[in-house]
Protein backbone atom coordinates (compact mmCIF):
# COMPACT_ATOMS: atom_id res chain seq x y z
CA MET A 1 79.44 -41.65 -9.47
CA ASN A 2 79.33 -39.79 -12.77
CA ALA A 3 76.71 -37.27 -13.74
CA LYS A 4 74.93 -39.53 -16.17
CA SER A 5 74.30 -42.27 -13.61
CA SER A 6 73.32 -39.82 -10.88
CA HIS A 7 70.33 -38.61 -12.86
CA ALA A 8 69.14 -42.12 -13.91
CA PRO A 9 65.93 -43.27 -12.21
CA VAL A 10 65.86 -46.37 -10.03
CA GLY A 11 65.44 -49.57 -12.06
CA TYR A 12 66.58 -47.89 -15.29
CA SER A 13 68.16 -50.54 -17.57
CA GLY A 14 69.45 -48.25 -20.28
CA ALA A 15 66.73 -49.00 -22.91
CA PRO A 16 62.95 -48.79 -22.88
CA ALA A 17 61.29 -52.13 -22.04
CA VAL A 18 58.83 -51.64 -24.89
CA GLN A 19 61.55 -52.09 -27.46
CA GLU A 20 62.27 -55.74 -26.48
CA PRO A 21 59.06 -57.25 -28.00
CA LYS A 22 59.58 -55.06 -31.06
CA ASN A 23 63.15 -56.32 -31.40
CA LYS A 24 62.00 -59.93 -31.04
CA SER A 25 59.31 -59.53 -33.68
CA ARG A 26 61.81 -57.78 -35.94
CA ARG A 27 64.32 -60.62 -35.48
CA LEU A 28 61.59 -63.19 -36.16
CA GLY A 29 60.58 -61.40 -39.33
CA THR A 30 64.22 -61.24 -40.40
CA ARG A 31 64.68 -64.99 -39.87
CA ILE A 32 61.48 -65.76 -41.79
CA TRP A 33 62.55 -63.56 -44.67
CA LYS A 34 66.02 -65.10 -44.66
CA HIS A 35 64.56 -68.62 -44.95
CA ARG A 36 61.56 -67.56 -47.02
CA PHE A 37 62.07 -70.28 -49.62
CA ILE A 38 61.93 -73.01 -46.97
CA TYR A 39 58.71 -71.54 -45.56
CA LEU A 40 57.39 -71.35 -49.12
CA LEU A 41 58.03 -75.08 -49.53
CA ILE A 42 56.07 -76.01 -46.40
CA LEU A 43 53.25 -73.57 -47.19
CA PRO A 44 51.19 -76.18 -49.15
CA THR A 45 51.43 -78.57 -46.19
CA ILE A 46 50.30 -75.84 -43.78
CA LEU A 47 47.39 -74.97 -46.06
CA TYR A 48 46.45 -78.66 -46.36
CA PHE A 49 46.20 -79.17 -42.62
CA ALA A 50 44.49 -75.82 -42.14
CA VAL A 51 41.77 -76.60 -44.70
CA PHE A 52 41.25 -80.33 -44.19
CA THR A 53 42.17 -80.78 -40.49
CA TYR A 54 41.55 -77.61 -38.49
CA ALA A 55 38.75 -75.95 -40.47
CA PRO A 56 36.42 -79.00 -40.08
CA PHE A 57 36.66 -78.58 -36.29
CA TYR A 58 33.80 -76.12 -36.65
CA GLY A 59 31.58 -79.07 -37.61
CA ILE A 60 32.03 -80.52 -34.11
CA THR A 61 29.37 -78.09 -32.95
CA ILE A 62 26.81 -80.31 -34.72
CA ALA A 63 27.12 -82.68 -31.74
CA PHE A 64 25.60 -79.97 -29.52
CA LYS A 65 22.85 -78.80 -31.92
CA ASP A 66 19.60 -79.95 -33.45
CA PHE A 67 21.14 -79.83 -36.88
CA LYS A 68 18.95 -78.85 -39.82
CA VAL A 69 20.53 -79.28 -43.24
CA PHE A 70 18.72 -76.37 -44.89
CA THR A 71 19.14 -74.11 -41.85
CA GLY A 72 22.88 -74.68 -41.58
CA ILE A 73 25.18 -75.30 -38.65
CA MET A 74 25.25 -71.70 -37.44
CA HIS A 75 21.48 -71.20 -37.25
CA SER A 76 20.56 -74.65 -35.92
CA PRO A 77 19.34 -74.55 -32.30
CA TRP A 78 21.57 -75.67 -29.44
CA VAL A 79 20.53 -78.77 -27.48
CA GLY A 80 23.54 -79.13 -25.18
CA PHE A 81 24.54 -82.68 -24.28
CA GLU A 82 21.28 -84.25 -25.43
CA HIS A 83 22.92 -86.34 -28.15
CA PHE A 84 25.60 -87.57 -25.74
CA ARG A 85 22.89 -88.71 -23.33
CA SER A 86 21.19 -90.54 -26.19
CA MET A 87 24.48 -92.19 -27.07
CA PHE A 88 25.32 -93.40 -23.57
CA THR A 89 21.78 -94.61 -22.87
CA SER A 90 21.50 -96.47 -26.18
CA GLU A 91 21.17 -100.24 -25.94
CA LYS A 92 23.66 -100.70 -28.79
CA PHE A 93 26.45 -98.54 -27.41
CA PRO A 94 27.87 -101.01 -24.81
CA ALA A 95 28.07 -103.77 -27.44
CA LEU A 96 29.66 -101.40 -29.96
CA LEU A 97 32.24 -100.23 -27.44
CA LYS A 98 32.97 -103.82 -26.40
CA ASN A 99 33.48 -105.00 -29.98
CA THR A 100 35.68 -102.02 -30.81
CA VAL A 101 37.94 -102.45 -27.77
CA ILE A 102 38.19 -106.25 -28.12
CA ILE A 103 39.12 -106.12 -31.81
CA SER A 104 41.63 -103.31 -31.18
CA LEU A 105 43.22 -105.20 -28.28
CA TYR A 106 43.45 -108.36 -30.39
CA ARG A 107 45.14 -106.42 -33.17
CA LEU A 108 47.48 -104.80 -30.64
CA ALA A 109 48.37 -108.03 -28.83
CA PHE A 110 48.83 -110.25 -31.88
CA GLY A 111 49.61 -107.74 -34.61
CA PHE A 112 52.04 -105.37 -32.90
CA PRO A 113 54.88 -107.91 -32.29
CA VAL A 114 54.75 -109.37 -35.83
CA PRO A 115 56.59 -106.50 -37.62
CA ILE A 116 59.24 -106.54 -34.89
CA LEU A 117 59.84 -110.29 -35.24
CA PHE A 118 59.81 -110.05 -39.03
CA ALA A 119 62.34 -107.19 -38.97
CA LEU A 120 64.62 -109.18 -36.65
CA LEU A 121 64.47 -112.19 -38.96
CA LEU A 122 64.96 -110.15 -42.11
CA ASN A 123 67.89 -108.33 -40.53
CA GLU A 124 69.75 -111.65 -40.24
CA VAL A 125 69.47 -112.41 -43.97
CA ARG A 126 72.82 -111.91 -45.67
CA GLN A 127 71.72 -112.37 -49.29
CA VAL A 128 70.83 -108.83 -50.34
CA TRP A 129 68.74 -109.83 -53.38
CA PHE A 130 66.69 -112.30 -51.34
CA LYS A 131 66.21 -109.77 -48.56
CA ARG A 132 64.95 -107.14 -51.00
CA PHE A 133 62.67 -109.62 -52.73
CA ILE A 134 61.04 -110.73 -49.46
CA GLN A 135 60.69 -107.15 -48.28
CA THR A 136 59.05 -106.08 -51.55
CA VAL A 137 56.60 -108.98 -51.51
CA THR A 138 55.59 -108.41 -47.88
CA TYR A 139 55.05 -104.66 -47.97
CA PHE A 140 53.28 -104.62 -51.34
CA PRO A 141 49.81 -105.39 -49.80
CA HIS A 142 50.06 -102.11 -47.87
CA PHE A 143 49.56 -100.21 -51.14
CA LEU A 144 46.38 -102.09 -51.97
CA SER A 145 43.08 -100.65 -50.80
CA TRP A 146 40.95 -102.77 -48.51
CA VAL A 147 38.44 -103.15 -51.34
CA VAL A 148 41.05 -104.92 -53.49
CA PHE A 149 42.66 -106.83 -50.63
CA ALA A 150 39.31 -108.02 -49.27
CA GLY A 151 38.40 -109.21 -52.76
CA ILE A 152 41.59 -111.28 -52.84
CA ILE A 153 40.80 -112.73 -49.43
CA TYR A 154 37.26 -113.59 -50.51
CA ASN A 155 38.70 -115.55 -53.44
CA PHE A 156 40.32 -117.80 -50.86
CA ILE A 157 37.79 -118.01 -48.02
CA GLY A 158 34.49 -117.09 -49.69
CA PRO A 159 31.64 -119.59 -50.13
CA SER A 160 32.98 -120.45 -53.59
CA GLY A 161 36.61 -119.67 -52.76
CA ILE A 162 39.67 -121.85 -53.16
CA ILE A 163 39.58 -123.30 -49.64
CA ASN A 164 35.93 -124.36 -49.85
CA LEU A 165 36.55 -125.70 -53.36
CA VAL A 166 39.32 -127.92 -52.00
CA LEU A 167 37.12 -129.04 -49.09
CA THR A 168 34.31 -129.92 -51.51
CA ASN A 169 36.65 -131.93 -53.74
CA MET A 170 37.86 -133.82 -50.67
CA GLY A 171 34.28 -134.72 -49.80
CA LEU A 172 34.10 -132.40 -46.80
CA GLU A 173 31.51 -129.76 -45.96
CA LYS A 174 32.06 -126.11 -46.77
CA PHE A 175 33.08 -123.77 -43.96
CA ASN A 176 31.54 -120.31 -43.74
CA PHE A 177 34.47 -118.08 -42.82
CA THR A 178 32.77 -114.77 -43.50
CA THR A 179 29.41 -115.47 -41.83
CA ASN A 180 30.63 -117.40 -38.80
CA PRO A 181 30.70 -115.20 -35.66
CA ASP A 182 33.20 -117.56 -33.99
CA VAL A 183 35.95 -116.83 -36.52
CA PHE A 184 35.14 -113.27 -37.59
CA ARG A 185 37.48 -111.52 -35.13
CA THR A 186 40.25 -113.99 -35.94
CA LEU A 187 39.73 -113.25 -39.62
CA ILE A 188 39.99 -109.51 -38.96
CA VAL A 189 43.23 -109.86 -36.98
CA ILE A 190 44.91 -112.21 -39.47
CA THR A 191 44.03 -110.13 -42.54
CA ALA A 192 45.19 -106.94 -40.80
CA ILE A 193 48.54 -108.59 -40.02
CA LEU A 194 48.96 -109.91 -43.56
CA LYS A 195 48.32 -106.49 -45.06
CA GLU A 196 50.48 -104.32 -42.79
CA PHE A 197 53.29 -106.33 -41.16
CA GLY A 198 55.71 -105.87 -44.07
CA TRP A 199 55.19 -102.12 -44.15
CA GLY A 200 55.49 -101.85 -40.37
CA ALA A 201 58.81 -103.71 -40.45
CA ILE A 202 60.41 -100.94 -42.53
CA ILE A 203 60.56 -98.62 -39.53
CA TYR A 204 62.21 -101.27 -37.37
CA LEU A 205 64.69 -102.16 -40.13
CA ALA A 206 65.69 -98.50 -40.30
CA ALA A 207 66.18 -98.49 -36.52
CA LEU A 208 68.22 -101.70 -36.72
CA ALA A 209 70.51 -100.12 -39.30
CA GLY A 210 71.39 -97.42 -36.78
CA ILE A 211 72.73 -99.81 -34.13
CA ASP A 212 76.52 -99.66 -33.78
CA SER A 213 78.12 -102.83 -35.15
CA GLN A 214 80.83 -102.62 -32.47
CA LEU A 215 78.21 -103.57 -29.90
CA TYR A 216 77.69 -106.89 -31.68
CA GLU A 217 81.44 -107.46 -31.86
CA ALA A 218 81.78 -106.79 -28.14
CA ALA A 219 78.92 -109.20 -27.43
CA LYS A 220 80.63 -111.89 -29.53
CA ILE A 221 83.86 -111.40 -27.60
CA ASP A 222 81.92 -111.87 -24.38
CA GLY A 223 80.63 -115.18 -25.73
CA ALA A 224 77.09 -114.11 -26.55
CA GLY A 225 75.29 -116.20 -29.14
CA LYS A 226 72.83 -114.90 -31.71
CA LEU A 227 69.82 -114.94 -29.35
CA ARG A 228 71.82 -113.20 -26.63
CA GLN A 229 72.90 -110.53 -29.10
CA ILE A 230 69.30 -109.94 -30.11
CA TRP A 231 68.16 -109.76 -26.47
CA HIS A 232 70.96 -107.56 -25.11
CA VAL A 233 71.91 -105.45 -28.16
CA THR A 234 69.23 -105.44 -30.85
CA LEU A 235 66.08 -105.07 -28.76
CA PRO A 236 67.51 -102.34 -26.49
CA GLY A 237 68.64 -100.52 -29.64
CA ILE A 238 65.14 -100.37 -31.11
CA ARG A 239 63.29 -100.05 -27.79
CA PRO A 240 62.63 -96.28 -28.20
CA ILE A 241 60.98 -96.91 -31.59
CA ILE A 242 58.93 -99.77 -30.14
CA ALA A 243 57.73 -97.56 -27.29
CA LEU A 244 56.88 -94.69 -29.65
CA LEU A 245 54.87 -96.84 -32.07
CA PHE A 246 53.13 -98.61 -29.19
CA CYS A 247 52.08 -95.22 -27.83
CA LEU A 248 50.61 -94.23 -31.19
CA GLN A 249 48.78 -97.53 -31.66
CA LEU A 250 47.40 -97.44 -28.12
CA ALA A 251 45.95 -93.99 -28.79
CA GLY A 252 43.92 -95.42 -31.65
CA ILE A 253 42.39 -98.22 -29.64
CA LEU A 254 38.89 -97.02 -30.56
CA ASP A 255 39.84 -97.11 -34.25
CA ALA A 256 39.39 -100.80 -34.97
CA GLY A 257 39.78 -100.23 -38.72
CA PHE A 258 36.63 -99.05 -40.47
CA ASP A 259 37.74 -99.84 -44.03
CA GLN A 260 38.69 -103.40 -43.18
CA ILE A 261 35.67 -104.29 -41.05
CA PHE A 262 33.27 -102.58 -43.45
CA MET A 263 34.51 -104.87 -46.22
CA PHE A 264 33.99 -108.06 -44.19
CA LEU A 265 30.97 -107.04 -42.10
CA ASN A 266 27.53 -108.54 -42.74
CA PRO A 267 24.38 -108.85 -40.61
CA ALA A 268 25.32 -112.40 -39.57
CA VAL A 269 28.33 -111.13 -37.57
CA TYR A 270 26.95 -107.84 -36.23
CA ASP A 271 27.05 -109.17 -32.66
CA VAL A 272 30.84 -109.60 -32.73
CA GLY A 273 31.94 -107.30 -35.55
CA ASP A 274 29.84 -104.14 -35.45
CA ILE A 275 32.10 -101.37 -34.15
CA ILE A 276 31.67 -97.67 -33.40
CA ASP A 277 32.86 -96.55 -36.85
CA THR A 278 30.45 -98.78 -38.77
CA TYR A 279 27.62 -97.64 -36.49
CA VAL A 280 28.53 -94.00 -37.14
CA TYR A 281 28.52 -94.72 -40.87
CA ARG A 282 24.99 -96.13 -40.69
CA LEU A 283 23.80 -93.24 -38.52
CA GLY A 284 25.39 -90.41 -40.46
CA ILE A 285 25.28 -91.61 -44.07
CA LEU A 286 22.39 -94.05 -44.26
CA GLN A 287 20.04 -92.60 -41.61
CA SER A 288 21.14 -88.92 -41.79
CA GLN A 289 21.48 -88.64 -37.98
CA PHE A 290 24.44 -86.28 -38.26
CA GLU A 291 24.22 -84.98 -34.70
CA LEU A 292 24.47 -88.39 -33.02
CA ALA A 293 27.17 -89.52 -35.43
CA THR A 294 29.21 -86.40 -34.63
CA ALA A 295 28.73 -86.94 -30.89
CA VAL A 296 30.03 -90.51 -31.17
CA GLY A 297 33.00 -89.32 -33.23
CA LEU A 298 33.79 -86.60 -30.68
CA PHE A 299 33.62 -89.18 -27.89
CA LYS A 300 36.18 -91.28 -29.78
CA GLY A 301 38.46 -88.29 -30.22
CA VAL A 302 38.40 -87.36 -26.53
CA ILE A 303 39.15 -90.94 -25.44
CA GLY A 304 42.00 -91.15 -27.98
CA MET A 305 43.48 -87.89 -26.70
CA ILE A 306 43.36 -89.13 -23.10
CA LEU A 307 44.99 -92.44 -24.07
CA ILE A 308 47.83 -90.85 -26.05
CA ILE A 309 48.59 -88.35 -23.27
CA THR A 310 48.58 -91.14 -20.68
CA ALA A 311 50.76 -93.45 -22.77
CA ASN A 312 53.17 -90.63 -23.60
CA THR A 313 53.49 -89.70 -19.93
CA ILE A 314 54.19 -93.31 -18.92
CA ILE A 315 56.79 -93.75 -21.67
CA ARG A 316 58.51 -90.47 -20.75
CA ARG A 317 58.70 -91.46 -17.08
CA MET A 318 60.23 -94.79 -18.11
CA GLY A 319 63.04 -92.82 -19.72
CA GLU A 320 62.13 -93.65 -23.31
CA LYS A 321 61.79 -91.25 -26.22
CA SER A 322 58.28 -89.81 -26.22
CA LEU A 323 56.14 -87.82 -28.64
CA TRP A 324 56.67 -84.59 -26.69
C-alpha cells in the first residue's frame, strides 16, 4: 500500500460528494446554452401554457370559497366543500350527469369507428386525384366553427329547412328535428360524425402509410384476400394508434361537446340534451354562481384524470403504446 492510500479515510472516493450536483447543474447549463436557439423557439409555447393553462389553476380555489367579485379571490372567505355538497345534492345533477355520459358514450360507440373505416376505404383508392378530392371535402367541415356548421344543418332540418320543404310539397306533415326529444341525441351524434370523421381519418391514414408493404405481399402469397389483409395486416399495424386515441377520447367522456350542444339546445329538449357544460354556462355566466360552476368544472377534471390514468394503465398492460 502506498503512502497516499494509507492516509485516505474510509469511504473516500477521491472527490468531494458536494461537487457532483454542481457538476450536473454545470453540465445542464452547458447543454442549454449549446442548444439555446432551440429553447428560444419553444419559449413562446412554454409561456403560452404557463399563462393560459397553469396560471388559471389559482382560480380553482373559487370552488372552496364564498367568492365575492369586489373582494377578490384571495380575500373571499373559505367555505370548504359546501359547494360540492350543493352540487351532489342538487336535483338536476343526476340528470345532467346521465345526459352527459349517455351522449358521450353514443359519440364514442358510433363516432369512434367511423374515421377508422373511412381511412381503410380511402387507403384502397388508387386514383390519387380522387383520393385527395374526397379527403379535402370530408375534412373541410372540421375548420368550420359550430356556429357556421349548425347554421348549415338548420338549413336542412330546421322548421323551414330543405327537408321539411320537401315533405310539405309532397303533402306530408313537417317533422320537428330540433325540438323533438326522441331524435335530439341522434342528431348530436350524426352531426358530430359529419363534422369530424374526415379530420380524424388523417391520423389513421398517416399510420397506414407506415405499414411495410412487404407484409401485404407476404399475405398475398399466403392466399389472403383483401379482407384478410385488412384484418391480419392493416388493423394490427394501426392498433397502437387506435388504442392511444381511444384512451384520449375515453378521458373526455364528461366533455359531451359544449359548442355543438349549445348550438342545438333549446328548452324543449332539456330533459335529454342538457349536459354539465351547458349547466355550468348558465350558472357561471347567466346566474353569476361562479363558485358552484367552478366546483362542477373541478369535478369534471378529477373524473377525467381518473379515467385517463385508468385507460392508460389498461392499454399499457395490454402491451400497446400508451401516453406515458
